[in-house]
């Protein structure tokens, strides 16, 4: 990955509030801002629960169908 491409990616993450840029003499350290990521993880948790439950029901249904075929 080129330096300019990395800079563009960092700028997008900074604009989204996911990282913060600092200054230390000639250094420009970046710091991860975890709070927005935690909010996304909490928001996605309901979807994960929904899909986990849906896939468990599908697995149970397929197991039931396989058992019926064996009889």
C-alpha atoms as a PDB file:
ATOM      1  CA  UNK A   1       0.000   0.000   0.000  1.00  0.00           C
ATOM      2  CA  UNK A   2       1.385   3.387  -0.905  1.00  0.00           C
ATOM      3  CA  UNK A   3       1.923   6.237   1.541  1.00  0.00           C
ATOM      4  CA  UNK A   4      -0.761   8.421  -0.073  1.00  0.00           C
ATOM      5  CA  UNK A   5      -3.255   5.544   0.079  1.00  0.00           C
ATOM      6  CA  UNK A   6      -2.526   5.078   3.780  1.00  0.00           C
ATOM      7  CA  UNK A   7      -3.003   8.810   4.333  1.00  0.00           C
ATOM      8  CA  UNK A   8      -6.374   8.710   2.555  1.00  0.00           C
ATOM      9  CA  UNK A   9      -7.511   5.765   4.673  1.00  0.00           C
ATOM     10  CA  UNK A  10      -6.412   7.500   7.854  1.00  0.00           C
ATOM     11  CA  UNK A  11      -8.257  10.671   6.795  1.00  0.00           C
ATOM     12  CA  UNK A  12     -11.492   8.684   6.262  1.00  0.00           C
ATOM     13  CA  UNK A  13     -11.137   7.058   9.690  1.00  0.00           C
ATOM     14  CA  UNK A  14     -10.421  10.449  11.251  1.00  0.00           C
ATOM     15  CA  UNK A  15     -13.444  12.033   9.545  1.00  0.00           C
ATOM     16  CA  UNK A  16     -15.577   9.176  10.898  1.00  0.00           C
ATOM     17  CA  UNK A  17     -14.322   9.879  14.424  1.00  0.00           C
ATOM     18  CA  UNK A  18     -12.663   6.484  14.765  1.00  0.00           C
ATOM     19  CA  UNK A  19      -9.110   7.741  15.200  1.00  0.00           C
ATOM     20  CA  UNK A  20      -7.545  10.915  16.545  1.00  0.00           C
ATOM     21  CA  UNK A  21      -4.373  12.549  15.276  1.00  0.00           C
ATOM     22  CA  UNK A  22      -1.853  14.026  17.664  1.00  0.00           C
ATOM     23  CA  UNK A  23       1.360  16.003  17.370  1.00  0.00           C
ATOM     24  CA  UNK A  24       4.668  15.340  19.034  1.00  0.00           C
ATOM     25  CA  UNK A  25       7.426  17.423  17.442  1.00  0.00           C
ATOM     26  CA  UNK A  26       7.831  16.019  13.915  1.00  0.00           C
ATOM     27  CA  UNK A  27       5.765  12.918  14.756  1.00  0.00           C
ATOM     28  CA  UNK A  28       2.052  12.635  13.983  1.00  0.00           C
ATOM     29  CA  UNK A  29       0.843   9.756  16.149  1.00  0.00           C
ATOM     30  CA  UNK A  30      -2.655   8.342  15.598  1.00  0.00           C
ATOM     31  CA  UNK A  31      -4.831   7.009  18.395  1.00  0.00           C
ATOM     32  CA  UNK A  32      -7.814   4.680  18.124  1.00  0.00           C
ATOM     33  CA  UNK A  33     -11.039   6.174  19.456  1.00  0.00           C
ATOM     34  CA  UNK A  34     -12.868   3.085  20.722  1.00  0.00           C
ATOM     35  CA  UNK A  35     -16.156   4.672  21.869  1.00  0.00           C
ATOM     36  CA  UNK A  36     -17.754   4.820  18.383  1.00  0.00           C
ATOM     37  CA  UNK A  37     -16.716   1.210  17.759  1.00  0.00           C
ATOM     38  CA  UNK A  38     -18.341   0.156  21.026  1.00  0.00           C
ATOM     39  CA  UNK A  39     -21.566   1.864  19.931  1.00  0.00           C
ATOM     40  CA  UNK A  40     -21.492  -0.044  16.631  1.00  0.00           C
ATOM     41  CA  UNK A  41     -20.819  -3.321  18.436  1.00  0.00           C
ATOM     42  CA  UNK A  42     -23.792  -2.729  20.759  1.00  0.00           C
ATOM     43  CA  UNK A  43     -26.024  -1.823  17.812  1.00  0.00           C
ATOM     44  CA  UNK A  44     -24.955  -4.927  15.887  1.00  0.00           C
ATOM     45  CA  UNK A  45     -25.515  -7.214  18.883  1.00  0.00           C
ATOM     46  CA  UNK A  46     -29.284  -7.339  18.328  1.00  0.00           C
ATOM     47  CA  UNK A  47     -28.744  -8.355  14.715  1.00  0.00           C
ATOM     48  CA  UNK A  48     -26.240 -10.987  15.763  1.00  0.00           C
ATOM     49  CA  UNK A  49     -28.715 -12.445  18.271  1.00  0.00           C
ATOM     50  CA  UNK A  50     -31.410 -12.495  15.594  1.00  0.00           C
ATOM     51  CA  UNK A  51     -29.211 -14.253  13.027  1.00  0.00           C
ATOM     52  CA  UNK A  52     -27.755 -16.690  15.570  1.00  0.00           C
ATOM     53  CA  UNK A  53     -31.268 -17.722  16.601  1.00  0.00           C
ATOM     54  CA  UNK A  54     -32.382 -17.958  12.961  1.00  0.00           C
ATOM     55  CA  UNK A  55     -29.453 -20.180  12.014  1.00  0.00           C
ATOM     56  CA  UNK A  56     -30.043 -22.403  15.080  1.00  0.00           C
ATOM     57  CA  UNK A  57     -33.674 -22.863  13.991  1.00  0.00           C
ATOM     58  CA  UNK A  58     -32.529 -23.658  10.447  1.00  0.00           C
ATOM     59  CA  UNK A  59     -29.998 -26.196  11.758  1.00  0.00           C
ATOM     60  CA  UNK A  60     -32.710 -27.834  13.871  1.00  0.00           C
ATOM     61  CA  UNK A  61     -35.083 -27.951  10.913  1.00  0.00           C
ATOM     62  CA  UNK A  62     -32.456 -29.499   8.634  1.00  0.00           C
ATOM     63  CA  UNK A  63     -31.546 -32.068  11.299  1.00  0.00           C
ATOM     64  CA  UNK A  64     -35.237 -32.929  11.624  1.00  0.00           C
ATOM     65  CA  UNK A  65     -35.543 -33.331   7.826  1.00  0.00           C
ATOM     66  CA  UNK A  66     -32.460 -35.599   7.734  1.00  0.00           C
ATOM     67  CA  UNK A  67     -33.871 -37.736  10.531  1.00  0.00           C
ATOM     68  CA  UNK A  68     -37.183 -38.095   8.665  1.00  0.00           C
ATOM     69  CA  UNK A  69     -35.367 -39.201   5.494  1.00  0.00           C
ATOM     70  CA  UNK A  70     -33.483 -41.910   7.378  1.00  0.00           C
ATOM     71  CA  UNK A  71     -36.744 -43.473   8.603  1.00  0.00           C
END
